[in-house]
Every structure is written in structure tokens, then in C-alpha cells.
Amino acid sequence: MEGLFVLFWLFMAIICAMIAGSKKGFFVALLFLIYGLIIWPIAFVHALLLRSSSVKEAPIEAEGVINGKPYWRTRDGRFCTVIEGRDIAFPDKAALEAALVGNSSSTAA
């Protein structure tokens, strides 16, 4: 019975370390493993309340607006806009303008 209690305590300490590690990284996970081995109930709550340190991606800024539709440039230099709920990429600005103004002779890349 005592062995089961020790296994449960160890299991909960590992869970605390895994939660902390997913939010802050390996070093914090090791600290929380030790912390959890000592007092896992408090470490568990503490790990759940940690803020994630993951970098959030900045929203895309529109480069301009053509015919009421915003457009932006991708890293590879193409022009993108949303048409009928889909992101459509064009090789150059002339093709983008032609598609947004209503000229159907251009094709999306």
C-alpha cells in the first residue's frame, strides 16, 4: 500500500513537470519535477497557472486595398488577398488588380 502511494506521488510529480515543461521549457520542467516530488499538490496548481512563453505570431498587416479588398505580400514576393473565403496568391500586383477589378483573363499563381 505504501508503495502505491509512492508511485502515485512520483507520477503526479512527473505530470507537474510535463505541464510546466510544455509551457516554459526543459529547465523549468526539471525544477518542477523536484518541486513536485516535495509537494506535488501545490506544484500541480502552480504549473497549471504558469503562463506559456511561446512566441505569438504578429498579425499580418495589409499592404493596401484594391476595390475594397485588402492585400498583403508574402515572403517570396507574391501578392495575396482573400477571395470568396480563400487566400489567393498572385505573381505580381498587375494580376492582383486585374482579378479584383473583375478582369477574368488573369490567373492566380
N, C-alpha and C. Protein backbone atom coordinates (compact mmCIF):
# COMPACT_ATOMS: atom_id res chain seq x y z
N MET A 1 0.82 -1.20 0.00
CA MET A 1 0.00 0.00 0.00
C MET A 1 0.86 1.26 0.00
N GLU A 2 1.94 1.20 0.79
CA GLU A 2 2.84 2.35 0.85
C GLU A 2 3.56 2.56 -0.49
N GLY A 3 3.85 1.45 -1.16
CA GLY A 3 4.49 1.53 -2.46
C GLY A 3 3.60 2.17 -3.50
N LEU A 4 2.30 1.92 -3.43
CA LEU A 4 1.35 2.55 -4.33
C LEU A 4 1.31 4.05 -4.11
N PHE A 5 1.36 4.46 -2.85
CA PHE A 5 1.35 5.89 -2.53
C PHE A 5 2.59 6.57 -3.10
N VAL A 6 3.74 5.94 -2.99
CA VAL A 6 4.99 6.49 -3.52
C VAL A 6 4.92 6.58 -5.05
N LEU A 7 4.39 5.55 -5.70
CA LEU A 7 4.25 5.57 -7.16
C LEU A 7 3.30 6.68 -7.61
N PHE A 8 2.20 6.85 -6.89
CA PHE A 8 1.25 7.92 -7.22
C PHE A 8 1.91 9.29 -7.05
N TRP A 9 2.67 9.46 -5.97
CA TRP A 9 3.35 10.74 -5.71
C TRP A 9 4.36 11.03 -6.83
N LEU A 10 5.11 10.03 -7.23
CA LEU A 10 6.08 10.18 -8.31
C LEU A 10 5.38 10.48 -9.63
N PHE A 11 4.30 9.79 -9.92
CA PHE A 11 3.52 10.02 -11.13
C PHE A 11 3.00 11.46 -11.19
N MET A 12 2.47 11.96 -10.10
CA MET A 12 1.95 13.32 -10.07
C MET A 12 3.07 14.36 -10.20
N ALA A 13 4.25 14.06 -9.65
CA ALA A 13 5.40 14.97 -9.81
C ALA A 13 5.81 15.04 -11.27
N ILE A 14 5.78 13.90 -11.97
CA ILE A 14 6.12 13.87 -13.39
C ILE A 14 5.08 14.64 -14.20
N ILE A 15 3.81 14.50 -13.84
CA ILE A 15 2.75 15.26 -14.53
C ILE A 15 2.97 16.76 -14.35
N CYS A 16 3.30 17.19 -13.13
CA CYS A 16 3.59 18.62 -12.88
C CYS A 16 4.75 19.09 -13.76
N ALA A 17 5.79 18.28 -13.85
CA ALA A 17 6.96 18.64 -14.66
C ALA A 17 6.60 18.71 -16.13
N MET A 18 5.76 17.81 -16.60
CA MET A 18 5.36 17.82 -18.02
C MET A 18 4.54 19.07 -18.34
N ILE A 19 3.63 19.44 -17.47
CA ILE A 19 2.82 20.64 -17.70
C ILE A 19 3.72 21.88 -17.71
N ALA A 20 4.59 22.00 -16.72
CA ALA A 20 5.50 23.15 -16.65
C ALA A 20 6.45 23.17 -17.84
N GLY A 21 6.95 22.01 -18.25
CA GLY A 21 7.86 21.94 -19.38
C GLY A 21 7.20 22.34 -20.68
N SER A 22 5.93 22.01 -20.84
CA SER A 22 5.24 22.38 -22.08
C SER A 22 4.99 23.88 -22.15
N LYS A 23 4.98 24.53 -21.00
CA LYS A 23 4.73 25.98 -21.00
C LYS A 23 6.02 26.80 -20.98
N LYS A 24 7.04 26.33 -20.27
CA LYS A 24 8.24 27.14 -20.08
C LYS A 24 9.54 26.52 -20.57
N GLY A 25 9.61 25.22 -20.76
CA GLY A 25 10.84 24.63 -21.26
C GLY A 25 11.43 23.59 -20.33
N PHE A 26 12.56 23.03 -20.76
CA PHE A 26 13.19 21.90 -20.09
C PHE A 26 13.68 22.22 -18.68
N PHE A 27 14.35 23.35 -18.51
CA PHE A 27 14.91 23.70 -17.20
C PHE A 27 13.81 23.86 -16.16
N VAL A 28 12.74 24.53 -16.53
CA VAL A 28 11.62 24.71 -15.60
C VAL A 28 10.97 23.36 -15.30
N ALA A 29 10.95 22.47 -16.28
CA ALA A 29 10.40 21.13 -16.05
C ALA A 29 11.22 20.39 -14.99
N LEU A 30 12.53 20.51 -15.04
CA LEU A 30 13.37 19.87 -14.02
C LEU A 30 13.10 20.45 -12.64
N LEU A 31 12.96 21.78 -12.57
CA LEU A 31 12.65 22.41 -11.29
C LEU A 31 11.31 21.93 -10.76
N PHE A 32 10.33 21.82 -11.65
CA PHE A 32 9.01 21.39 -11.21
C PHE A 32 9.00 19.90 -10.86
N LEU A 33 9.90 19.12 -11.42
CA LEU A 33 9.99 17.72 -11.03
C LEU A 33 10.43 17.63 -9.56
N ILE A 34 11.44 18.39 -9.20
CA ILE A 34 11.91 18.41 -7.82
C ILE A 34 10.83 18.99 -6.90
N TYR A 35 10.26 20.11 -7.32
CA TYR A 35 9.18 20.77 -6.59
C TYR A 35 8.00 19.82 -6.41
N GLY A 36 7.65 19.10 -7.44
CA GLY A 36 6.54 18.16 -7.38
C GLY A 36 6.82 16.97 -6.49
N LEU A 37 8.09 16.53 -6.44
CA LEU A 37 8.43 15.42 -5.55
C LEU A 37 8.28 15.81 -4.08
N ILE A 38 8.48 17.09 -3.80
CA ILE A 38 8.35 17.56 -2.42
C ILE A 38 6.88 17.79 -2.06
N ILE A 39 6.21 18.63 -2.83
CA ILE A 39 4.80 18.96 -2.55
C ILE A 39 4.02 19.04 -3.86
N TRP A 40 3.64 17.91 -4.44
CA TRP A 40 3.00 17.91 -5.75
C TRP A 40 1.66 18.63 -5.79
N PRO A 41 0.82 18.63 -4.74
CA PRO A 41 -0.47 19.32 -4.89
C PRO A 41 -0.31 20.82 -5.17
N ILE A 42 0.65 21.44 -4.51
CA ILE A 42 0.88 22.87 -4.74
C ILE A 42 1.59 23.06 -6.08
N ALA A 43 2.53 22.19 -6.41
CA ALA A 43 3.25 22.29 -7.68
C ALA A 43 2.31 22.10 -8.85
N PHE A 44 1.32 21.23 -8.70
CA PHE A 44 0.35 20.98 -9.77
C PHE A 44 -0.45 22.24 -10.08
N VAL A 45 -0.97 22.88 -9.04
CA VAL A 45 -1.73 24.12 -9.23
C VAL A 45 -0.83 25.21 -9.81
N HIS A 46 0.38 25.29 -9.29
CA HIS A 46 1.35 26.28 -9.77
C HIS A 46 1.66 26.06 -11.26
N ALA A 47 1.85 24.82 -11.66
CA ALA A 47 2.15 24.51 -13.07
C ALA A 47 0.97 24.87 -13.97
N LEU A 48 -0.22 24.64 -13.50
CA LEU A 48 -1.40 25.00 -14.30
C LEU A 48 -1.55 26.51 -14.46
N LEU A 49 -1.10 27.27 -13.47
CA LEU A 49 -1.23 28.73 -13.53
C LEU A 49 -0.09 29.43 -14.26
N LEU A 50 0.95 28.68 -14.64
CA LEU A 50 2.06 29.29 -15.39
C LEU A 50 1.57 29.80 -16.75
N ARG A 51 2.13 30.92 -17.16
CA ARG A 51 1.83 31.43 -18.50
C ARG A 51 2.76 30.79 -19.51
N SER A 52 2.24 30.59 -20.69
CA SER A 52 3.05 30.00 -21.75
C SER A 52 4.04 31.03 -22.27
N SER A 53 5.26 30.59 -22.55
CA SER A 53 6.28 31.52 -23.06
C SER A 53 6.44 31.42 -24.57
N SER A 54 5.49 30.76 -25.24
CA SER A 54 5.61 30.63 -26.68
C SER A 54 5.42 31.99 -27.34
N VAL A 55 6.16 32.20 -28.42
CA VAL A 55 6.10 33.46 -29.14
C VAL A 55 4.86 33.46 -30.02
N LYS A 56 4.06 34.48 -29.87
CA LYS A 56 2.87 34.59 -30.68
C LYS A 56 3.21 35.31 -31.99
N GLU A 57 2.66 34.81 -33.07
CA GLU A 57 2.92 35.39 -34.37
C GLU A 57 2.15 36.70 -34.50
N ALA A 58 2.81 37.71 -35.01
CA ALA A 58 2.16 39.00 -35.19
C ALA A 58 1.13 38.91 -36.33
N PRO A 59 0.03 39.61 -36.19
CA PRO A 59 -0.96 39.58 -37.28
C PRO A 59 -0.39 40.21 -38.54
N ILE A 60 -0.90 39.77 -39.68
CA ILE A 60 -0.43 40.28 -40.96
C ILE A 60 -1.02 41.67 -41.19
N GLU A 61 -0.17 42.59 -41.52
CA GLU A 61 -0.61 43.94 -41.84
C GLU A 61 -0.94 44.03 -43.33
N ALA A 62 -2.06 44.61 -43.66
CA ALA A 62 -2.42 44.79 -45.07
C ALA A 62 -1.51 45.84 -45.68
N GLU A 63 -1.02 45.54 -46.88
CA GLU A 63 -0.15 46.49 -47.57
C GLU A 63 -0.96 47.58 -48.26
N GLY A 64 -2.16 47.23 -48.66
CA GLY A 64 -3.01 48.20 -49.33
C GLY A 64 -4.40 47.63 -49.56
N VAL A 65 -5.24 48.41 -50.23
CA VAL A 65 -6.60 48.00 -50.51
C VAL A 65 -6.89 48.27 -51.98
N ILE A 66 -7.44 47.28 -52.67
CA ILE A 66 -7.85 47.44 -54.06
C ILE A 66 -9.31 47.03 -54.15
N ASN A 67 -10.14 47.92 -54.61
CA ASN A 67 -11.56 47.65 -54.80
C ASN A 67 -12.21 47.13 -53.51
N GLY A 68 -11.80 47.70 -52.36
CA GLY A 68 -12.38 47.34 -51.07
C GLY A 68 -11.81 46.08 -50.45
N LYS A 69 -10.85 45.43 -51.10
CA LYS A 69 -10.26 44.19 -50.57
C LYS A 69 -8.81 44.46 -50.16
N PRO A 70 -8.43 44.13 -48.91
CA PRO A 70 -7.03 44.31 -48.51
C PRO A 70 -6.14 43.25 -49.16
N TYR A 71 -4.89 43.62 -49.37
CA TYR A 71 -3.91 42.65 -49.89
C TYR A 71 -2.61 42.80 -49.12
N TRP A 72 -1.79 41.76 -49.17
CA TRP A 72 -0.50 41.76 -48.50
C TRP A 72 0.49 40.98 -49.34
N ARG A 73 1.77 41.14 -49.00
CA ARG A 73 2.83 40.44 -49.73
C ARG A 73 3.36 39.29 -48.89
N THR A 74 3.65 38.19 -49.56
CA THR A 74 4.24 37.04 -48.88
C THR A 74 5.75 37.20 -48.84
N ARG A 75 6.42 36.30 -48.12
CA ARG A 75 7.88 36.37 -48.03
C ARG A 75 8.55 36.15 -49.37
N ASP A 76 7.90 35.38 -50.25
CA ASP A 76 8.50 35.13 -51.56
C ASP A 76 8.13 36.20 -52.58
N GLY A 77 7.46 37.27 -52.17
CA GLY A 77 7.19 38.41 -53.05
C GLY A 77 5.87 38.38 -53.77
N ARG A 78 5.06 37.34 -53.56
CA ARG A 78 3.76 37.30 -54.23
C ARG A 78 2.74 38.17 -53.50
N PHE A 79 1.70 38.55 -54.18
CA PHE A 79 0.63 39.36 -53.61
C PHE A 79 -0.55 38.46 -53.28
N CYS A 80 -1.11 38.60 -52.08
CA CYS A 80 -2.21 37.74 -51.65
C CYS A 80 -3.41 38.58 -51.23
N THR A 81 -4.59 38.00 -51.41
CA THR A 81 -5.83 38.59 -50.94
C THR A 81 -6.81 37.45 -50.67
N VAL A 82 -7.92 37.78 -50.05
CA VAL A 82 -8.94 36.78 -49.77
C VAL A 82 -10.08 36.99 -50.75
N ILE A 83 -10.36 35.95 -51.53
CA ILE A 83 -11.46 35.97 -52.49
C ILE A 83 -12.35 34.78 -52.18
N GLU A 84 -13.60 35.05 -51.90
CA GLU A 84 -14.60 34.02 -51.56
C GLU A 84 -14.12 33.11 -50.44
N GLY A 85 -13.50 33.70 -49.41
CA GLY A 85 -13.09 32.95 -48.23
C GLY A 85 -11.78 32.21 -48.35
N ARG A 86 -11.07 32.32 -49.48
CA ARG A 86 -9.80 31.62 -49.67
C ARG A 86 -8.68 32.61 -49.90
N ASP A 87 -7.50 32.32 -49.36
CA ASP A 87 -6.31 33.12 -49.65
C ASP A 87 -5.83 32.77 -51.04
N ILE A 88 -5.75 33.78 -51.91
CA ILE A 88 -5.29 33.58 -53.28
C ILE A 88 -4.02 34.40 -53.48
N ALA A 89 -2.99 33.76 -54.05
CA ALA A 89 -1.71 34.43 -54.30
C ALA A 89 -1.56 34.72 -55.79
N PHE A 90 -1.03 35.89 -56.09
CA PHE A 90 -0.79 36.33 -57.46
C PHE A 90 0.69 36.63 -57.63
N PRO A 91 1.23 36.39 -58.83
CA PRO A 91 2.66 36.60 -59.03
C PRO A 91 3.09 38.06 -59.00
N ASP A 92 2.19 38.97 -59.39
CA ASP A 92 2.54 40.39 -59.37
C ASP A 92 1.29 41.22 -59.08
N LYS A 93 1.51 42.51 -58.85
CA LYS A 93 0.41 43.39 -58.48
C LYS A 93 -0.58 43.60 -59.62
N ALA A 94 -0.10 43.56 -60.86
CA ALA A 94 -1.00 43.74 -62.00
C ALA A 94 -2.02 42.61 -62.07
N ALA A 95 -1.59 41.38 -61.82
CA ALA A 95 -2.52 40.24 -61.83
C ALA A 95 -3.52 40.34 -60.69
N LEU A 96 -3.06 40.82 -59.55
CA LEU A 96 -3.95 41.03 -58.40
C LEU A 96 -5.00 42.08 -58.72
N GLU A 97 -4.56 43.21 -59.27
CA GLU A 97 -5.50 44.28 -59.62
C GLU A 97 -6.51 43.81 -60.66
N ALA A 98 -6.05 43.04 -61.65
CA ALA A 98 -6.94 42.55 -62.69
C ALA A 98 -8.02 41.63 -62.10
N ALA A 99 -7.63 40.79 -61.14
CA ALA A 99 -8.59 39.87 -60.54
C ALA A 99 -9.58 40.60 -59.64
N LEU A 100 -9.11 41.62 -58.92
CA LEU A 100 -10.00 42.33 -58.00
C LEU A 100 -10.92 43.32 -58.72
N VAL A 101 -10.48 43.82 -59.86
CA VAL A 101 -11.32 44.76 -60.61
C VAL A 101 -12.36 44.00 -61.41
N GLY A 102 -12.09 42.73 -61.71
CA GLY A 102 -13.09 41.92 -62.40
C GLY A 102 -12.63 41.40 -63.74
N ASN A 103 -11.39 41.65 -64.12
CA ASN A 103 -10.85 41.13 -65.37
C ASN A 103 -10.53 39.66 -65.17
N SER A 104 -11.20 38.76 -65.84
CA SER A 104 -11.02 37.33 -65.61
C SER A 104 -9.92 36.73 -66.48
N SER A 105 -9.15 37.52 -67.20
CA SER A 105 -8.10 36.98 -68.05
C SER A 105 -6.85 36.62 -67.30
N SER A 106 -6.70 37.10 -66.05
CA SER A 106 -5.51 36.77 -65.27
C SER A 106 -5.75 35.48 -64.49
N THR A 107 -4.66 34.79 -64.19
CA THR A 107 -4.75 33.55 -63.42
C THR A 107 -3.95 33.69 -62.14
N ALA A 108 -4.40 33.02 -61.10
CA ALA A 108 -3.70 33.06 -59.83
C ALA A 108 -2.53 32.07 -59.88
N ALA A 109 -1.45 32.43 -59.20
CA ALA A 109 -0.28 31.54 -59.15
C ALA A 109 -0.44 30.51 -58.08
